[in-house]
Amino acid sequence: MTIVETVLVFALIPLAIYGVIALLTLRQKATRIVRYRPGQEWGYAPVWWSANPAGLTAHHTAGEPAPAQGSTAKGGARGNW
């Protein structure tokens, strides 16, 4: 295997693959999509999602905080365990 073949296989072919992927991601079609930017008005209705819909109660869905229960959890951001 010559040096030219080695450079072709290990350098130019991978660079060509990266180039094709870059062109596909940067094409004009992707830039025409209207995207939400921070600070813009959000024109859609709020959607509440829960991984466990059966665990929701009427109190949780009313938008109010859950009632405080005797919590025995320790720790936190400071790591005071």
PDB file of N, CA and C in Angstrom:
ATOM      1  N   MET A   1       0.845  -1.168   0.000  1.00  0.00           N
ATOM      2  CA  MET A   1       0.000   0.000   0.000  1.00  0.00           C
ATOM      3  C   MET A   1       0.893   1.235   0.000  1.00  0.00           C
ATOM      4  N   THR A   2       0.645   2.135  -0.916  1.00  0.00           N
ATOM      5  CA  THR A   2       1.478   3.331  -0.995  1.00  0.00           C
ATOM      6  C   THR A   2       0.966   4.398  -0.031  1.00  0.00           C
ATOM      7  N   ILE A   3       1.755   5.451   0.115  1.00  0.00           N
ATOM      8  CA  ILE A   3       1.379   6.554   0.997  1.00  0.00           C
ATOM      9  C   ILE A   3       0.131   7.250   0.463  1.00  0.00           C
ATOM     10  N   VAL A   4       0.018   7.385  -0.840  1.00  0.00           N
ATOM     11  CA  VAL A   4      -1.154   8.017  -1.439  1.00  0.00           C
ATOM     12  C   VAL A   4      -2.416   7.214  -1.126  1.00  0.00           C
ATOM     13  N   GLU A   5      -2.362   5.910  -1.236  1.00  0.00           N
ATOM     14  CA  GLU A   5      -3.515   5.076  -0.913  1.00  0.00           C
ATOM     15  C   GLU A   5      -3.872   5.180   0.569  1.00  0.00           C
ATOM     16  N   THR A   6      -2.860   5.225   1.417  1.00  0.00           N
ATOM     17  CA  THR A   6      -3.085   5.331   2.853  1.00  0.00           C
ATOM     18  C   THR A   6      -3.783   6.649   3.191  1.00  0.00           C
ATOM     19  N   VAL A   7      -3.286   7.745   2.607  1.00  0.00           N
ATOM     20  CA  VAL A   7      -3.897   9.052   2.862  1.00  0.00           C
ATOM     21  C   VAL A   7      -5.322   9.071   2.319  1.00  0.00           C
ATOM     22  N   LEU A   8      -5.538   8.483   1.175  1.00  0.00           N
ATOM     23  CA  LEU A   8      -6.871   8.435   0.589  1.00  0.00           C
ATOM     24  C   LEU A   8      -7.845   7.682   1.486  1.00  0.00           C
ATOM     25  N   VAL A   9      -7.440   6.540   1.976  1.00  0.00           N
ATOM     26  CA  VAL A   9      -8.328   5.703   2.788  1.00  0.00           C
ATOM     27  C   VAL A   9      -8.555   6.299   4.172  1.00  0.00           C
ATOM     28  N   PHE A  10      -7.484   6.786   4.821  1.00  0.00           N
ATOM     29  CA  PHE A  10      -7.594   7.209   6.215  1.00  0.00           C
ATOM     30  C   PHE A  10      -7.819   8.704   6.402  1.00  0.00           C
ATOM     31  N   ALA A  11      -7.740   9.514   5.362  1.00  0.00           N
ATOM     32  CA  ALA A  11      -7.937  10.950   5.523  1.00  0.00           C
ATOM     33  C   ALA A  11      -9.030  11.485   4.596  1.00  0.00           C
ATOM     34  N   LEU A  12      -8.918  11.280   3.314  1.00  0.00           N
ATOM     35  CA  LEU A  12      -9.852  11.906   2.387  1.00  0.00           C
ATOM     36  C   LEU A  12     -11.249  11.293   2.431  1.00  0.00           C
ATOM     37  N   ILE A  13     -11.363  10.005   2.547  1.00  0.00           N
ATOM     38  CA  ILE A  13     -12.686   9.374   2.607  1.00  0.00           C
ATOM     39  C   ILE A  13     -13.446   9.795   3.873  1.00  0.00           C
ATOM     40  N   PRO A  14     -12.831   9.754   5.057  1.00  0.00           N
ATOM     41  CA  PRO A  14     -13.555  10.255   6.237  1.00  0.00           C
ATOM     42  C   PRO A  14     -13.903  11.738   6.129  1.00  0.00           C
ATOM     43  N   LEU A  15     -13.006  12.560   5.567  1.00  0.00           N
ATOM     44  CA  LEU A  15     -13.318  13.978   5.391  1.00  0.00           C
ATOM     45  C   LEU A  15     -14.480  14.166   4.429  1.00  0.00           C
ATOM     46  N   ALA A  16     -14.563  13.363   3.405  1.00  0.00           N
ATOM     47  CA  ALA A  16     -15.688  13.446   2.474  1.00  0.00           C
ATOM     48  C   ALA A  16     -17.002  13.073   3.167  1.00  0.00           C
ATOM     49  N   ILE A  17     -16.969  12.077   4.014  1.00  0.00           N
ATOM     50  CA  ILE A  17     -18.175  11.679   4.761  1.00  0.00           C
ATOM     51  C   ILE A  17     -18.613  12.808   5.681  1.00  0.00           C
ATOM     52  N   TYR A  18     -17.672  13.408   6.419  1.00  0.00           N
ATOM     53  CA  TYR A  18     -18.003  14.541   7.286  1.00  0.00           C
ATOM     54  C   TYR A  18     -18.532  15.716   6.467  1.00  0.00           C
ATOM     55  N   GLY A  19     -17.969  15.951   5.305  1.00  0.00           N
ATOM     56  CA  GLY A  19     -18.432  17.035   4.447  1.00  0.00           C
ATOM     57  C   GLY A  19     -19.863  16.828   3.978  1.00  0.00           C
ATOM     58  N   VAL A  20     -20.205  15.607   3.596  1.00  0.00           N
ATOM     59  CA  VAL A  20     -21.575  15.310   3.162  1.00  0.00           C
ATOM     60  C   VAL A  20     -22.546  15.511   4.316  1.00  0.00           C
ATOM     61  N   ILE A  21     -22.182  15.053   5.497  1.00  0.00           N
ATOM     62  CA  ILE A  21     -23.054  15.236   6.668  1.00  0.00           C
ATOM     63  C   ILE A  21     -23.218  16.723   6.986  1.00  0.00           C
ATOM     64  N   ALA A  22     -22.123  17.484   6.898  1.00  0.00           N
ATOM     65  CA  ALA A  22     -22.202  18.924   7.162  1.00  0.00           C
ATOM     66  C   ALA A  22     -23.101  19.612   6.144  1.00  0.00           C
ATOM     67  N   LEU A  23     -22.999  19.258   4.885  1.00  0.00           N
ATOM     68  CA  LEU A  23     -23.855  19.874   3.872  1.00  0.00           C
ATOM     69  C   LEU A  23     -25.330  19.523   4.084  1.00  0.00           C
ATOM     70  N   LEU A  24     -25.600  18.315   4.513  1.00  0.00           N
ATOM     71  CA  LEU A  24     -26.982  17.917   4.766  1.00  0.00           C
ATOM     72  C   LEU A  24     -27.587  18.677   5.947  1.00  0.00           C
ATOM     73  N   THR A  25     -26.788  18.970   6.950  1.00  0.00           N
ATOM     74  CA  THR A  25     -27.307  19.658   8.128  1.00  0.00           C
ATOM     75  C   THR A  25     -27.383  21.165   7.935  1.00  0.00           C
ATOM     76  N   LEU A  26     -26.613  21.703   7.026  1.00  0.00           N
ATOM     77  CA  LEU A  26     -26.576  23.149   6.836  1.00  0.00           C
ATOM     78  C   LEU A  26     -27.322  23.616   5.595  1.00  0.00           C
ATOM     79  N   ARG A  27     -28.099  22.781   4.988  1.00  0.00           N
ATOM     80  CA  ARG A  27     -28.794  23.156   3.761  1.00  0.00           C
ATOM     81  C   ARG A  27     -29.898  24.170   4.060  1.00  0.00           C
ATOM     82  N   GLN A  28     -30.372  24.828   3.029  1.00  0.00           N
ATOM     83  CA  GLN A  28     -31.353  25.902   3.162  1.00  0.00           C
ATOM     84  C   GLN A  28     -32.674  25.448   3.768  1.00  0.00           C
ATOM     85  N   LYS A  29     -33.082  24.247   3.489  1.00  0.00           N
ATOM     86  CA  LYS A  29     -34.372  23.772   4.000  1.00  0.00           C
ATOM     87  C   LYS A  29     -34.404  23.812   5.522  1.00  0.00           C
ATOM     88  N   ALA A  30     -33.319  23.479   6.154  1.00  0.00           N
ATOM     89  CA  ALA A  30     -33.275  23.464   7.616  1.00  0.00           C
ATOM     90  C   ALA A  30     -33.320  24.877   8.192  1.00  0.00           C
ATOM     91  N   THR A  31     -32.861  25.876   7.453  1.00  0.00           N
ATOM     92  CA  THR A  31     -32.841  27.241   7.986  1.00  0.00           C
ATOM     93  C   THR A  31     -34.155  27.969   7.772  1.00  0.00           C
ATOM     94  N   ARG A  32     -35.079  27.450   6.975  1.00  0.00           N
ATOM     95  CA  ARG A  32     -36.364  28.095   6.731  1.00  0.00           C
ATOM     96  C   ARG A  32     -37.389  27.762   7.800  1.00  0.00           C
ATOM     97  N   ILE A  33     -37.136  26.811   8.664  1.00  0.00           N
ATOM     98  CA  ILE A  33     -38.092  26.421   9.689  1.00  0.00           C
ATOM     99  C   ILE A  33     -38.125  27.500  10.775  1.00  0.00           C
ATOM    100  N   VAL A  34     -39.325  27.985  11.103  1.00  0.00           N
ATOM    101  CA  VAL A  34     -39.468  28.982  12.158  1.00  0.00           C
ATOM    102  C   VAL A  34     -39.274  28.290  13.500  1.00  0.00           C
ATOM    103  N   ARG A  35     -38.378  28.828  14.291  1.00  0.00           N
ATOM    104  CA  ARG A  35     -38.068  28.223  15.586  1.00  0.00           C
ATOM    105  C   ARG A  35     -38.393  29.198  16.702  1.00  0.00           C
ATOM    106  N   TYR A  36     -38.659  28.658  17.863  1.00  0.00           N
ATOM    107  CA  TYR A  36     -38.880  29.486  19.048  1.00  0.00           C
ATOM    108  C   TYR A  36     -37.543  30.006  19.543  1.00  0.00           C
ATOM    109  N   ARG A  37     -37.493  31.275  19.828  1.00  0.00           N
ATOM    110  CA  ARG A  37     -36.305  31.907  20.397  1.00  0.00           C
ATOM    111  C   ARG A  37     -36.673  32.466  21.771  1.00  0.00           C
ATOM    112  N   PRO A  38     -35.774  32.400  22.728  1.00  0.00           N
ATOM    113  CA  PRO A  38     -36.069  32.944  24.052  1.00  0.00           C
ATOM    114  C   PRO A  38     -36.498  34.416  23.959  1.00  0.00           C
ATOM    115  N   GLY A  39     -37.549  34.763  24.670  1.00  0.00           N
ATOM    116  CA  GLY A  39     -38.061  36.115  24.655  1.00  0.00           C
ATOM    117  C   GLY A  39     -39.238  36.302  23.728  1.00  0.00           C
ATOM    118  N   GLN A  40     -39.468  35.375  22.822  1.00  0.00           N
ATOM    119  CA  GLN A  40     -40.613  35.481  21.929  1.00  0.00           C
ATOM    120  C   GLN A  40     -41.880  35.035  22.653  1.00  0.00           C
ATOM    121  N   GLU A  41     -43.000  35.520  22.147  1.00  0.00           N
ATOM    122  CA  GLU A  41     -44.282  35.089  22.691  1.00  0.00           C
ATOM    123  C   GLU A  41     -44.504  33.620  22.357  1.00  0.00           C
ATOM    124  N   TRP A  42     -45.088  32.892  23.287  1.00  0.00           N
ATOM    125  CA  TRP A  42     -45.416  31.492  23.070  1.00  0.00           C
ATOM    126  C   TRP A  42     -46.889  31.440  22.719  1.00  0.00           C
ATOM    127  N   GLY A  43     -47.199  31.137  21.465  1.00  0.00           N
ATOM    128  CA  GLY A  43     -48.565  31.203  20.986  1.00  0.00           C
ATOM    129  C   GLY A  43     -49.333  29.910  21.073  1.00  0.00           C
ATOM    130  N   TYR A  44     -48.956  29.032  21.935  1.00  0.00           N
ATOM    131  CA  TYR A  44     -49.614  27.726  22.021  1.00  0.00           C
ATOM    132  C   TYR A  44     -50.168  27.520  23.420  1.00  0.00           C
ATOM    133  N   ALA A  45     -51.200  26.708  23.514  1.00  0.00           N
ATOM    134  CA  ALA A  45     -51.790  26.394  24.819  1.00  0.00           C
ATOM    135  C   ALA A  45     -50.822  25.549  25.635  1.00  0.00           C
ATOM    136  N   PRO A  46     -50.801  25.736  26.955  1.00  0.00           N
ATOM    137  CA  PRO A  46     -49.907  24.924  27.778  1.00  0.00           C
ATOM    138  C   PRO A  46     -50.334  23.453  27.773  1.00  0.00           C
ATOM    139  N   VAL A  47     -49.362  22.577  27.782  1.00  0.00           N
ATOM    140  CA  VAL A  47     -49.618  21.140  27.786  1.00  0.00           C
ATOM    141  C   VAL A  47     -48.947  20.565  29.020  1.00  0.00           C
ATOM    142  N   TRP A  48     -49.732  19.954  29.855  1.00  0.00           N
ATOM    143  CA  TRP A  48     -49.183  19.323  31.054  1.00  0.00           C
ATOM    144  C   TRP A  48     -48.964  17.854  30.755  1.00  0.00           C
ATOM    145  N   TRP A  49     -47.807  17.359  31.101  1.00  0.00           N
ATOM    146  CA  TRP A  49     -47.462  15.974  30.826  1.00  0.00           C
ATOM    147  C   TRP A  49     -46.993  15.320  32.113  1.00  0.00           C
ATOM    148  N   SER A  50     -47.397  14.098  32.319  1.00  0.00           N
ATOM    149  CA  SER A  50     -46.962  13.336  33.477  1.00  0.00           C
ATOM    150  C   SER A  50     -46.624  11.925  33.022  1.00  0.00           C
ATOM    151  N   ALA A  51     -45.535  11.406  33.547  1.00  0.00           N
ATOM    152  CA  ALA A  51     -45.143  10.042  33.218  1.00  0.00           C
ATOM    153  C   ALA A  51     -46.080   9.046  33.875  1.00  0.00           C
ATOM    154  N   ASN A  52     -46.770   9.477  34.916  1.00  0.00           N
ATOM    155  CA  ASN A  52     -47.676   8.596  35.629  1.00  0.00           C
ATOM    156  C   ASN A  52     -49.021   9.303  35.781  1.00  0.00           C
ATOM    157  N   PRO A  53     -49.869   9.288  34.754  1.00  0.00           N
ATOM    158  CA  PRO A  53     -51.145   9.989  34.853  1.00  0.00           C
ATOM    159  C   PRO A  53     -52.039   9.464  35.966  1.00  0.00           C
ATOM    160  N   ALA A  54     -51.915   8.197  36.299  1.00  0.00           N
ATOM    161  CA  ALA A  54     -52.743   7.640  37.369  1.00  0.00           C
ATOM    162  C   ALA A  54     -52.342   8.210  38.722  1.00  0.00           C
ATOM    163  N   GLY A  55     -51.124   8.699  38.848  1.00  0.00           N
ATOM    164  CA  GLY A  55     -50.655   9.239  40.116  1.00  0.00           C
ATOM    165  C   GLY A  55     -51.066  10.680  40.347  1.00  0.00           C
ATOM    166  N   LEU A  56     -51.632  11.332  39.341  1.00  0.00           N
ATOM    167  CA  LEU A  56     -52.081  12.704  39.506  1.00  0.00           C
ATOM    168  C   LEU A  56     -53.418  12.734  40.224  1.00  0.00           C
ATOM    169  N   THR A  57     -53.582  13.709  41.062  1.00  0.00           N
ATOM    170  CA  THR A  57     -54.861  13.919  41.724  1.00  0.00           C
ATOM    171  C   THR A  57     -55.442  15.235  41.232  1.00  0.00           C
ATOM    172  N   ALA A  58     -56.666  15.509  41.611  1.00  0.00           N
ATOM    173  CA  ALA A  58     -57.304  16.757  41.202  1.00  0.00           C
ATOM    174  C   ALA A  58     -56.526  17.950  41.734  1.00  0.00           C
ATOM    175  N   HIS A  59     -55.915  17.794  42.897  1.00  0.00           N
ATOM    176  CA  HIS A  59     -55.157  18.897  43.490  1.00  0.00           C
ATOM    177  C   HIS A  59     -53.935  19.231  42.639  1.00  0.00           C
ATOM    178  N   HIS A  60     -53.290  18.232  42.086  1.00  0.00           N
ATOM    179  CA  HIS A  60     -52.109  18.474  41.256  1.00  0.00           C
ATOM    180  C   HIS A  60     -52.465  19.116  39.925  1.00  0.00           C
ATOM    181  N   THR A  61     -53.591  18.770  39.389  1.00  0.00           N
ATOM    182  CA  THR A  61     -53.958  19.282  38.073  1.00  0.00           C
ATOM    183  C   THR A  61     -54.544  20.680  38.134  1.00  0.00           C
ATOM    184  N   ALA A  62     -54.857  21.181  39.330  1.00  0.00           N
ATOM    185  CA  ALA A  62     -55.442  22.513  39.447  1.00  0.00           C
ATOM    186  C   ALA A  62     -54.389  23.607  39.343  1.00  0.00           C
ATOM    187  N   GLY A  63     -53.140  23.270  39.253  1.00  0.00           N
ATOM    188  CA  GLY A  63     -52.089  24.265  39.148  1.00  0.00           C
ATOM    189  C   GLY A  63     -51.612  24.789  40.489  1.00  0.00           C
ATOM    190  N   GLU A  64     -52.057  24.174  41.560  1.00  0.00           N
ATOM    191  CA  GLU A  64     -51.651  24.591  42.890  1.00  0.00           C
ATOM    192  C   GLU A  64     -50.562  23.654  43.390  1.00  0.00           C
ATOM    193  N   PRO A  65     -49.710  24.134  44.272  1.00  0.00           N
ATOM    194  CA  PRO A  65     -48.687  23.234  44.817  1.00  0.00           C
ATOM    195  C   PRO A  65     -49.310  22.151  45.685  1.00  0.00           C
ATOM    196  N   ALA A  66     -48.638  21.038  45.741  1.00  0.00           N
ATOM    197  CA  ALA A  66     -49.124  19.922  46.550  1.00  0.00           C
ATOM    198  C   ALA A  66     -49.035  20.293  48.023  1.00  0.00           C
ATOM    199  N   PRO A  67     -49.937  19.764  48.840  1.00  0.00           N
ATOM    200  CA  PRO A  67     -49.878  20.070  50.270  1.00  0.00           C
ATOM    201  C   PRO A  67     -48.595  19.529  50.884  1.00  0.00           C
ATOM    202  N   ALA A  68     -48.079  20.289  51.825  1.00  0.00           N
ATOM    203  CA  ALA A  68     -46.832  19.890  52.480  1.00  0.00           C
ATOM    204  C   ALA A  68     -47.091  18.676  53.357  1.00  0.00           C
ATOM    205  N   GLN A  69     -46.292  17.665  53.170  1.00  0.00           N
ATOM    206  CA  GLN A  69     -46.399  16.479  53.989  1.00  0.00           C
ATOM    207  C   GLN A  69     -45.119  16.379  54.806  1.00  0.00           C
ATOM    208  N   GLY A  70     -45.151  15.652  55.872  1.00  0.00           N
ATOM    209  CA  GLY A  70     -43.967  15.507  56.709  1.00  0.00           C
ATOM    210  C   GLY A  70     -42.829  14.866  55.922  1.00  0.00           C
ATOM    211  N   SER A  71     -41.896  15.650  55.518  1.00  0.00           N
ATOM    212  CA  SER A  71     -40.804  15.151  54.700  1.00  0.00           C
ATOM    213  C   SER A  71     -39.629  14.781  55.587  1.00  0.00           C
ATOM    214  N   THR A  72     -39.092  13.623  55.364  1.00  0.00           N
ATOM    215  CA  THR A  72     -37.916  13.183  56.115  1.00  0.00           C
ATOM    216  C   THR A  72     -36.680  13.185  55.235  1.00  0.00           C
ATOM    217  N   ALA A  73     -36.795  13.726  54.032  1.00  0.00           N
ATOM    218  CA  ALA A  73     -35.660  13.745  53.119  1.00  0.00           C
ATOM    219  C   ALA A  73     -34.588  14.680  53.623  1.00  0.00           C
ATOM    220  N   LYS A  74     -33.365  14.278  53.468  1.00  0.00           N
ATOM    221  CA  LYS A  74     -32.223  15.103  53.844  1.00  0.00           C
ATOM    222  C   LYS A  74     -31.357  15.319  52.640  1.00  0.00           C
ATOM    223  N   GLY A  75     -30.453  16.244  52.771  1.00  0.00           N
ATOM    224  CA  GLY A  75     -29.518  16.496  51.668  1.00  0.00           C
ATOM    225  C   GLY A  75     -29.871  17.799  50.996  1.00  0.00           C
ATOM    226  N   GLY A  76     -29.577  17.863  49.744  1.00  0.00           N
ATOM    227  CA  GLY A  76     -29.871  19.069  48.991  1.00  0.00           C
ATOM    228  C   GLY A  76     -28.666  19.480  48.164  1.00  0.00           C
ATOM    229  N   ALA A  77     -28.709  20.719  47.724  1.00  0.00           N
ATOM    230  CA  ALA A  77     -27.660  21.219  46.834  1.00  0.00           C
ATOM    231  C   ALA A  77     -26.327  21.338  47.567  1.00  0.00           C
ATOM    232  N   ARG A  78     -26.386  21.571  48.861  1.00  0.00           N
ATOM    233  CA  ARG A  78     -25.135  21.732  49.623  1.00  0.00           C
ATOM    234  C   ARG A  78     -24.560  20.396  50.073  1.00  0.00           C
ATOM    235  N   GLY A  79     -25.314  19.358  49.937  1.00  0.00           N
ATOM    236  CA  GLY A  79     -24.809  18.042  50.323  1.00  0.00           C
ATOM    237  C   GLY A  79     -24.790  17.812  51.826  1.00  0.00           C
ATOM    238  N   ASN A  80     -25.659  18.482  52.555  1.00  0.00           N
ATOM    239  CA  ASN A  80     -25.754  18.264  54.000  1.00  0.00           C
ATOM    240  C   ASN A  80     -26.602  17.026  54.235  1.00  0.00           C
ATOM    241  N   TRP A  81     -25.980  15.912  54.362  1.00  0.00           N
ATOM    242  CA  TRP A  81     -26.727  14.676  54.520  1.00  0.00           C
ATOM    243  C   TRP A  81     -26.794  14.347  55.981  1.00  0.00           C
TER     244      TRP A  81
END
